[in-house]
């Protein structure tokens, strides 16, 4: 699902030719946080990793800071104005106009016009400073960890974002990175010490269901928000591999991840039952259709649909089958699929 999580490796790769460092290329390097995304006619066909509905519009985010907006169900796309070149990973719109996108270099972008224009609200530099300030008077261990984030620079990505309304939201990422805002992103408060994640495992996705908020990550990590305590508590599941996402509706929760592993809970995460997908590929994307059907998609391009609240899934034909990193159900019969080859609309019957 993710590329490298360290910016250093990417920079070195660009600066090495036939095993020889190129000083001029290194000197010319411009930090992606300090350069705007460049308009490109090829943007809709390049790597796209996140999708969200914004009212009647669809917003897609991907590499090199590309943000694309469609007002016709994915038939055509217009590129947005974005102040950074950092790769973007995920996007969330709690209202048709207000939205947030996150990605590499710890970048957090915000829009108030449905995705046409974006401003940088937060990044890896300010995140590290916020952690250092917040934990300056905490335990020695926490203070030292926060200072290490400052010393490392903005090399850690945020991997997901979710807002429950226009003011309250969460961003999560590598090495247990997690921040919360209650003022629409004007300030972000570190919750690094509010997760039962002592090994600092990566946090891959965050979603809310009713009054509950869940986070999933690597090595079987599932966390559930304890609102009274203001902490994310660990939830036990039968699988110890990485989960890439969580979806569902009402009280039917679905977590999915490596090697087709998919589990369902109908009691708020207390018990989990394995759902057979009959695939060895990773499940990497999901959405819930307007009629309640739940749709999953995999790294191998397989698409699965459940018409029984996630109790079972059946593979459906989608051609061509391409690696999928994000999907949206569009209307009754279409899916918008995103991945390494960009964006496409695929007809799929999801209605009963």
Protein backbone atom coordinates (compact mmCIF):
# COMPACT_ATOMS: atom_id res chain seq x y z
CA UNK A 1 0.00 0.00 0.00
CA UNK A 2 2.76 2.38 0.83
CA UNK A 3 5.96 3.36 -0.88
CA UNK A 4 9.08 3.99 1.21
CA UNK A 5 8.33 5.87 4.39
CA UNK A 6 11.69 7.62 4.43
CA UNK A 7 12.36 10.61 2.24
CA UNK A 8 16.15 10.09 2.54
CA UNK A 9 16.09 6.92 0.44
CA UNK A 10 14.12 8.64 -2.33
CA UNK A 11 16.50 11.58 -2.45
CA UNK A 12 19.60 9.36 -2.62
CA UNK A 13 18.06 7.28 -5.40
CA UNK A 14 17.50 10.41 -7.45
CA UNK A 15 21.05 11.60 -6.88
CA UNK A 16 22.89 8.42 -7.85
CA UNK A 17 23.68 7.60 -11.46
CA UNK A 18 25.63 4.44 -12.30
CA UNK A 19 26.79 4.27 -8.69
CA UNK A 20 28.22 7.81 -8.66
CA UNK A 21 26.82 10.67 -6.59
CA UNK A 22 25.91 13.72 -8.64
CA UNK A 23 26.76 16.85 -6.55
CA UNK A 24 24.93 19.21 -8.89
CA UNK A 25 21.71 17.19 -8.65
CA UNK A 26 21.96 17.15 -4.86
CA UNK A 27 22.56 20.90 -4.78
CA UNK A 28 19.49 21.50 -6.96
CA UNK A 29 17.17 19.43 -4.80
CA UNK A 30 14.09 21.35 -3.65
CA UNK A 31 12.19 19.98 -0.68
CA UNK A 32 8.70 18.85 -1.83
CA UNK A 33 7.26 20.83 1.07
CA UNK A 34 8.68 24.01 -0.42
CA UNK A 35 7.45 23.70 -4.01
CA UNK A 36 3.91 23.67 -5.41
CA UNK A 37 2.49 20.72 -7.29
CA UNK A 38 2.95 21.12 -11.05
CA UNK A 39 -0.07 20.90 -13.36
CA UNK A 40 0.14 17.83 -15.58
CA UNK A 41 -2.07 16.47 -18.31
CA UNK A 42 -0.99 13.01 -17.13
CA UNK A 43 -2.05 13.47 -13.49
CA UNK A 44 -5.25 11.41 -13.80
CA UNK A 45 -3.20 8.52 -15.20
CA UNK A 46 -0.50 8.57 -12.54
CA UNK A 47 -0.44 6.95 -9.09
CA UNK A 48 -3.58 7.83 -7.11
CA UNK A 49 -3.89 6.56 -3.54
CA UNK A 50 -6.91 8.29 -1.96
CA UNK A 51 -10.52 9.06 -2.88
CA UNK A 52 -13.40 10.85 -1.18
CA UNK A 53 -16.85 12.12 -2.03
CA UNK A 54 -17.25 15.86 -1.46
CA UNK A 55 -20.98 16.25 -1.86
CA UNK A 56 -21.69 15.58 -5.54
CA UNK A 57 -18.01 15.88 -6.41
CA UNK A 58 -15.26 13.27 -6.18
CA UNK A 59 -11.76 14.23 -4.98
CA UNK A 60 -8.66 12.11 -5.68
CA UNK A 61 -5.14 12.53 -4.28
CA UNK A 62 -1.81 10.97 -5.25
CA UNK A 63 1.85 11.37 -6.05
CA UNK A 64 3.67 14.68 -6.48
CA UNK A 65 0.92 16.55 -4.64
CA UNK A 66 -1.66 15.83 -7.32
CA UNK A 67 -5.26 16.53 -6.36
CA UNK A 68 -7.98 15.99 -8.95
CA UNK A 69 -11.66 16.89 -8.75
CA UNK A 70 -14.52 15.44 -10.80
CA UNK A 71 -18.02 16.84 -11.04
CA UNK A 72 -19.36 14.18 -13.40
CA UNK A 73 -18.83 10.94 -11.55
CA UNK A 74 -15.24 10.39 -12.62
CA UNK A 75 -15.68 10.88 -16.37
CA UNK A 76 -13.46 13.98 -16.41
CA UNK A 77 -11.00 15.40 -13.90
CA UNK A 78 -9.67 18.89 -13.17
CA UNK A 79 -6.37 19.37 -11.33
CA UNK A 80 -6.48 21.49 -8.18
CA UNK A 81 -4.07 24.14 -6.93
CA UNK A 82 -1.81 22.52 -4.31
CA UNK A 83 1.09 24.24 -2.46
CA UNK A 84 3.34 21.15 -2.10
CA UNK A 85 4.84 18.38 -4.23
CA UNK A 86 4.79 15.81 -1.44
CA UNK A 87 3.05 12.54 -2.30
CA UNK A 88 -0.48 12.52 -0.90
CA UNK A 89 -1.99 9.34 0.50
CA UNK A 90 -5.50 9.94 1.88
CA UNK A 91 -8.33 12.47 1.84
CA UNK A 92 -11.46 13.09 3.94
CA UNK A 93 -14.46 15.40 3.45
CA UNK A 94 -16.89 15.71 6.38
CA UNK A 95 -18.92 18.25 4.37
CA UNK A 96 -19.19 19.03 0.65
CA UNK A 97 -16.81 22.02 0.99
CA UNK A 98 -14.49 21.27 3.92
CA UNK A 99 -11.82 18.63 3.37
CA UNK A 100 -8.36 17.49 4.43
CA UNK A 101 -5.61 15.51 2.70
CA UNK A 102 -2.46 13.97 4.20
CA UNK A 103 0.69 12.32 2.95
CA UNK A 104 4.45 12.09 2.90
CA UNK A 105 6.69 14.58 4.69
CA UNK A 106 3.95 14.77 7.34
CA UNK A 107 1.93 17.13 5.19
CA UNK A 108 -1.67 18.07 6.03
CA UNK A 109 -3.63 20.12 3.48
CA UNK A 110 -7.04 21.75 3.90
CA UNK A 111 -9.66 23.06 1.50
CA UNK A 112 -12.81 25.09 2.04
CA UNK A 113 -14.11 25.11 -1.55
CA UNK A 114 -14.71 21.45 -2.29
CA UNK A 115 -11.14 20.64 -3.32
CA UNK A 116 -10.38 23.25 -5.97
CA UNK A 117 -7.79 25.06 -3.84
CA UNK A 118 -5.71 23.84 -0.91
CA UNK A 119 -3.56 25.35 1.83
CA UNK A 120 -0.89 23.69 3.92
CA UNK A 121 -2.13 23.45 7.48
CA UNK A 122 0.53 21.22 9.07
CA UNK A 123 3.65 19.28 8.05
CA UNK A 124 6.43 17.09 9.41
CA UNK A 125 8.40 20.09 10.63
CA UNK A 126 5.55 21.61 12.63
CA UNK A 127 4.43 18.16 13.79
CA UNK A 128 7.84 17.46 15.30
CA UNK A 129 7.90 20.86 17.00
CA UNK A 130 4.39 20.32 18.33
CA UNK A 131 5.45 16.99 19.81
CA UNK A 132 8.60 18.44 21.37
CA UNK A 133 6.62 21.29 22.95
CA UNK A 134 3.77 19.07 24.10
CA UNK A 135 6.00 16.48 25.75
CA UNK A 136 8.74 18.80 27.06
CA UNK A 137 7.54 18.33 30.63
CA UNK A 138 6.40 14.71 30.23
CA UNK A 139 8.39 11.61 31.14
CA UNK A 140 12.02 11.49 30.04
CA UNK A 141 11.18 8.70 27.60
CA UNK A 142 8.41 10.68 25.89
CA UNK A 143 10.49 13.86 25.77
CA UNK A 144 13.40 11.98 24.18
CA UNK A 145 11.13 10.34 21.60
CA UNK A 146 9.69 13.73 20.67
CA UNK A 147 13.16 15.21 20.29
CA UNK A 148 14.11 12.34 17.97
CA UNK A 149 11.23 13.31 15.70
CA UNK A 150 12.69 16.83 15.55
CA UNK A 151 16.18 15.50 14.79
CA UNK A 152 14.89 13.15 12.05
CA UNK A 153 13.22 15.96 10.13
CA UNK A 154 9.95 15.63 8.20
CA UNK A 155 10.59 12.10 6.93
CA UNK A 156 7.51 10.33 8.34
CA UNK A 157 4.20 10.24 6.49
CA UNK A 158 0.67 10.58 7.68
CA UNK A 159 -1.17 7.62 6.18
CA UNK A 160 -4.80 8.49 6.84
CA UNK A 161 -7.16 11.26 7.92
CA UNK A 162 -10.74 11.18 9.16
CA UNK A 163 -13.00 13.99 10.36
CA UNK A 164 -16.22 13.35 12.25
CA UNK A 165 -17.39 16.91 11.55
CA UNK A 166 -15.98 20.26 10.40
CA UNK A 167 -13.93 20.76 13.56
CA UNK A 168 -12.93 17.40 15.04
CA UNK A 169 -10.61 15.01 13.24
CA UNK A 170 -7.64 12.66 13.47
CA UNK A 171 -4.50 12.10 11.42
CA UNK A 172 -2.44 8.91 11.82
CA UNK A 173 0.78 7.61 10.35
CA UNK A 174 4.12 5.90 10.68
CA UNK A 175 5.64 4.93 14.04
CA UNK A 176 2.47 5.63 16.04
CA UNK A 177 2.10 9.19 14.76
CA UNK A 178 -1.33 10.49 15.74
CA UNK A 179 -2.74 13.99 16.20
CA UNK A 180 -6.23 15.27 16.99
CA UNK A 181 -7.83 18.63 16.27
CA UNK A 182 -10.96 20.22 17.68
CA UNK A 183 -10.74 23.48 15.74
CA UNK A 184 -10.69 22.37 12.11
CA UNK A 185 -6.93 21.94 11.98
CA UNK A 186 -5.89 25.35 13.30
CA UNK A 187 -4.11 23.42 16.06
CA UNK A 188 -3.14 19.75 16.18
CA UNK A 189 -2.57 18.03 19.52
CA UNK A 190 -0.27 14.97 19.70
CA UNK A 191 -1.93 11.79 20.98
CA UNK A 192 1.31 9.81 20.77
CA UNK A 193 0.93 8.84 24.44
CA UNK A 194 -2.78 8.02 24.14
CA UNK A 195 -2.54 4.75 22.20
CA UNK A 196 -1.98 1.26 23.54
CA UNK A 197 0.78 0.75 20.99
CA UNK A 198 4.04 0.33 22.96
CA UNK A 199 5.96 -0.97 19.94
CA UNK A 200 5.13 2.20 17.98
CA UNK A 201 3.65 0.20 15.11
CA UNK A 202 2.53 2.08 12.00
CA UNK A 203 -1.08 3.30 12.04
CA UNK A 204 -2.56 2.68 8.59
CA UNK A 205 -6.16 3.88 8.80
CA UNK A 206 -8.66 5.67 11.06
CA UNK A 207 -12.46 5.65 10.73
CA UNK A 208 -15.52 6.44 12.78
CA UNK A 209 -18.69 4.35 13.10
CA UNK A 210 -21.47 5.95 15.11
CA UNK A 211 -19.88 7.04 18.39
CA UNK A 212 -16.90 4.71 17.95
CA UNK A 213 -13.55 5.51 16.33
CA UNK A 214 -11.17 2.74 15.25
CA UNK A 215 -7.54 2.68 14.08
CA UNK A 216 -5.89 -0.27 12.31
CA UNK A 217 -2.21 -0.86 11.65
CA UNK A 218 0.55 -3.37 11.20
CA UNK A 219 1.02 -6.68 13.03
CA UNK A 220 -2.68 -7.09 13.80
CA UNK A 221 -3.02 -3.75 15.56
CA UNK A 222 -6.61 -2.56 16.12
CA UNK A 223 -7.36 0.33 18.48
CA UNK A 224 -10.72 1.67 19.67
CA UNK A 225 -11.31 5.10 21.16
CA UNK A 226 -12.28 5.19 24.82
CA UNK A 227 -13.92 8.61 24.85
CA UNK A 228 -14.19 8.82 28.63
CA UNK A 229 -10.46 8.19 29.08
CA UNK A 230 -9.39 10.06 25.94
CA UNK A 231 -7.28 7.07 24.84
CA UNK A 232 -7.22 4.45 22.11
CA UNK A 233 -7.44 0.99 23.68
CA UNK A 234 -6.06 -2.15 22.03
CA UNK A 235 -8.62 -4.57 20.57
CA UNK A 236 -7.72 -8.23 20.11
CA UNK A 237 -8.33 -9.90 16.74
CA UNK A 238 -7.37 -13.40 15.47
CA UNK A 239 -4.81 -12.10 12.95
CA UNK A 240 -1.26 -10.87 13.56
CA UNK A 241 -0.55 -9.51 10.08
CA UNK A 242 -1.05 -5.98 8.82
CA UNK A 243 -4.49 -4.46 8.44
CA UNK A 244 -4.76 -1.78 5.77
CA UNK A 245 -8.24 -0.49 6.43
CA UNK A 246 -11.58 -0.70 8.19
CA UNK A 247 -15.07 -0.21 6.81
CA UNK A 248 -18.65 -1.11 7.59
CA UNK A 249 -21.95 0.31 8.76
CA UNK A 250 -24.09 0.37 11.86
CA UNK A 251 -22.65 -2.39 14.06
CA UNK A 252 -21.06 -4.45 11.28
CA UNK A 253 -17.32 -3.65 11.16
CA UNK A 254 -14.92 -5.10 8.59
CA UNK A 255 -11.12 -5.01 8.93
CA UNK A 256 -8.99 -6.10 5.98
CA UNK A 257 -5.35 -6.50 5.11
CA UNK A 258 -2.58 -8.78 3.91
CA UNK A 259 -3.19 -12.07 2.07
CA UNK A 260 -6.91 -11.48 1.79
CA UNK A 261 -7.40 -11.57 5.54
CA UNK A 262 -10.77 -10.05 6.38
CA UNK A 263 -12.60 -10.13 9.71
CA UNK A 264 -16.04 -8.96 10.85
CA UNK A 265 -17.35 -7.80 14.21
CA UNK A 266 -20.98 -7.18 15.08
CA UNK A 267 -20.40 -6.23 18.72
CA UNK A 268 -18.16 -3.19 18.51
CA UNK A 269 -14.90 -5.10 18.19
CA UNK A 270 -15.27 -7.53 21.10
CA UNK A 271 -15.47 -10.63 18.87
CA UNK A 272 -14.28 -11.15 15.30
CA UNK A 273 -15.16 -13.78 12.69
CA UNK A 274 -13.03 -14.55 9.65
CA UNK A 275 -14.63 -13.80 6.29
CA UNK A 276 -13.46 -15.96 3.38
CA UNK A 277 -12.37 -13.99 0.33
CA UNK A 278 -10.56 -16.83 -1.43
CA UNK A 279 -7.70 -14.59 -2.44
CA UNK A 280 -4.07 -14.51 -1.43
CA UNK A 281 -3.69 -10.88 -2.43
CA UNK A 282 -3.86 -7.95 -0.03
CA UNK A 283 -7.20 -6.20 0.40
CA UNK A 284 -6.40 -2.51 0.13
CA UNK A 285 -9.61 -0.52 -0.42
CA UNK A 286 -13.26 -0.41 0.60
CA UNK A 287 -16.47 1.59 0.44
CA UNK A 288 -20.14 1.23 1.36
CA UNK A 289 -22.71 1.69 -1.41
CA UNK A 290 -25.79 3.90 -0.93
CA UNK A 291 -27.94 0.76 -0.72
CA UNK A 292 -25.75 -0.68 2.05
CA UNK A 293 -23.69 -3.14 0.03
CA UNK A 294 -20.06 -3.29 1.15
CA UNK A 295 -17.36 -3.32 -1.54
CA UNK A 296 -13.73 -4.40 -1.12
CA UNK A 297 -10.89 -4.33 -3.65
CA UNK A 298 -7.49 -5.95 -3.68
CA UNK A 299 -3.95 -5.35 -4.74
CA UNK A 300 -4.46 -7.89 -7.54
CA UNK A 301 -7.46 -5.98 -8.89
CA UNK A 302 -10.15 -8.34 -7.56
CA UNK A 303 -13.37 -6.66 -6.40
CA UNK A 304 -15.68 -8.23 -3.80
CA UNK A 305 -19.26 -7.28 -2.91
CA UNK A 306 -21.27 -8.16 0.19
CA UNK A 307 -25.07 -7.85 0.19
CA UNK A 308 -25.48 -9.22 3.74
CA UNK A 309 -23.76 -6.58 5.89
CA UNK A 310 -20.34 -8.15 5.43
CA UNK A 311 -21.20 -11.69 6.52
CA UNK A 312 -19.96 -12.95 3.14
CA UNK A 313 -18.34 -11.55 0.02
CA UNK A 314 -18.47 -12.61 -3.63
CA UNK A 315 -15.99 -11.67 -6.34
CA UNK A 316 -17.44 -9.63 -9.21
CA UNK A 317 -16.06 -9.13 -12.69
CA UNK A 318 -14.13 -5.95 -13.32
CA UNK A 319 -12.13 -5.52 -16.51
CA UNK A 320 -9.27 -4.92 -16.70
CA UNK A 321 -8.13 -6.09 -13.27
CA UNK A 322 -5.58 -3.58 -12.03
CA UNK A 323 -3.98 -3.01 -8.62
CA UNK A 324 -6.35 -0.89 -6.53
CA UNK A 325 -5.34 1.48 -3.74
CA UNK A 326 -8.69 3.27 -3.27
CA UNK A 327 -12.29 2.95 -4.44
CA UNK A 328 -15.62 4.75 -4.27
CA UNK A 329 -19.07 3.50 -5.14
CA UNK A 330 -20.52 6.01 -7.59
CA UNK A 331 -24.28 5.83 -8.03
CA UNK A 332 -25.89 2.41 -8.38
CA UNK A 333 -23.71 0.63 -10.90
CA UNK A 334 -20.25 2.24 -11.06
CA UNK A 335 -17.04 2.08 -9.09
CA UNK A 336 -14.34 4.71 -9.25
CA UNK A 337 -11.07 2.82 -8.88
CA UNK A 338 -7.67 4.36 -8.18
CA UNK A 339 -4.21 2.86 -8.29
CA UNK A 340 -0.81 2.85 -9.93
CA UNK A 341 -2.36 3.55 -13.35
CA UNK A 342 -4.49 6.39 -12.16
CA UNK A 343 -8.27 6.73 -12.18
CA UNK A 344 -10.97 4.80 -13.99
CA UNK A 345 -14.69 4.13 -13.79
CA UNK A 346 -15.77 0.49 -13.84
CA UNK A 347 -19.38 -0.68 -14.16
CA UNK A 348 -20.23 -3.07 -11.33
CA UNK A 349 -23.72 -4.11 -10.25
CA UNK A 350 -23.88 -3.52 -6.50
CA UNK A 351 -27.62 -3.05 -6.11
CA UNK A 352 -29.70 -6.02 -4.99
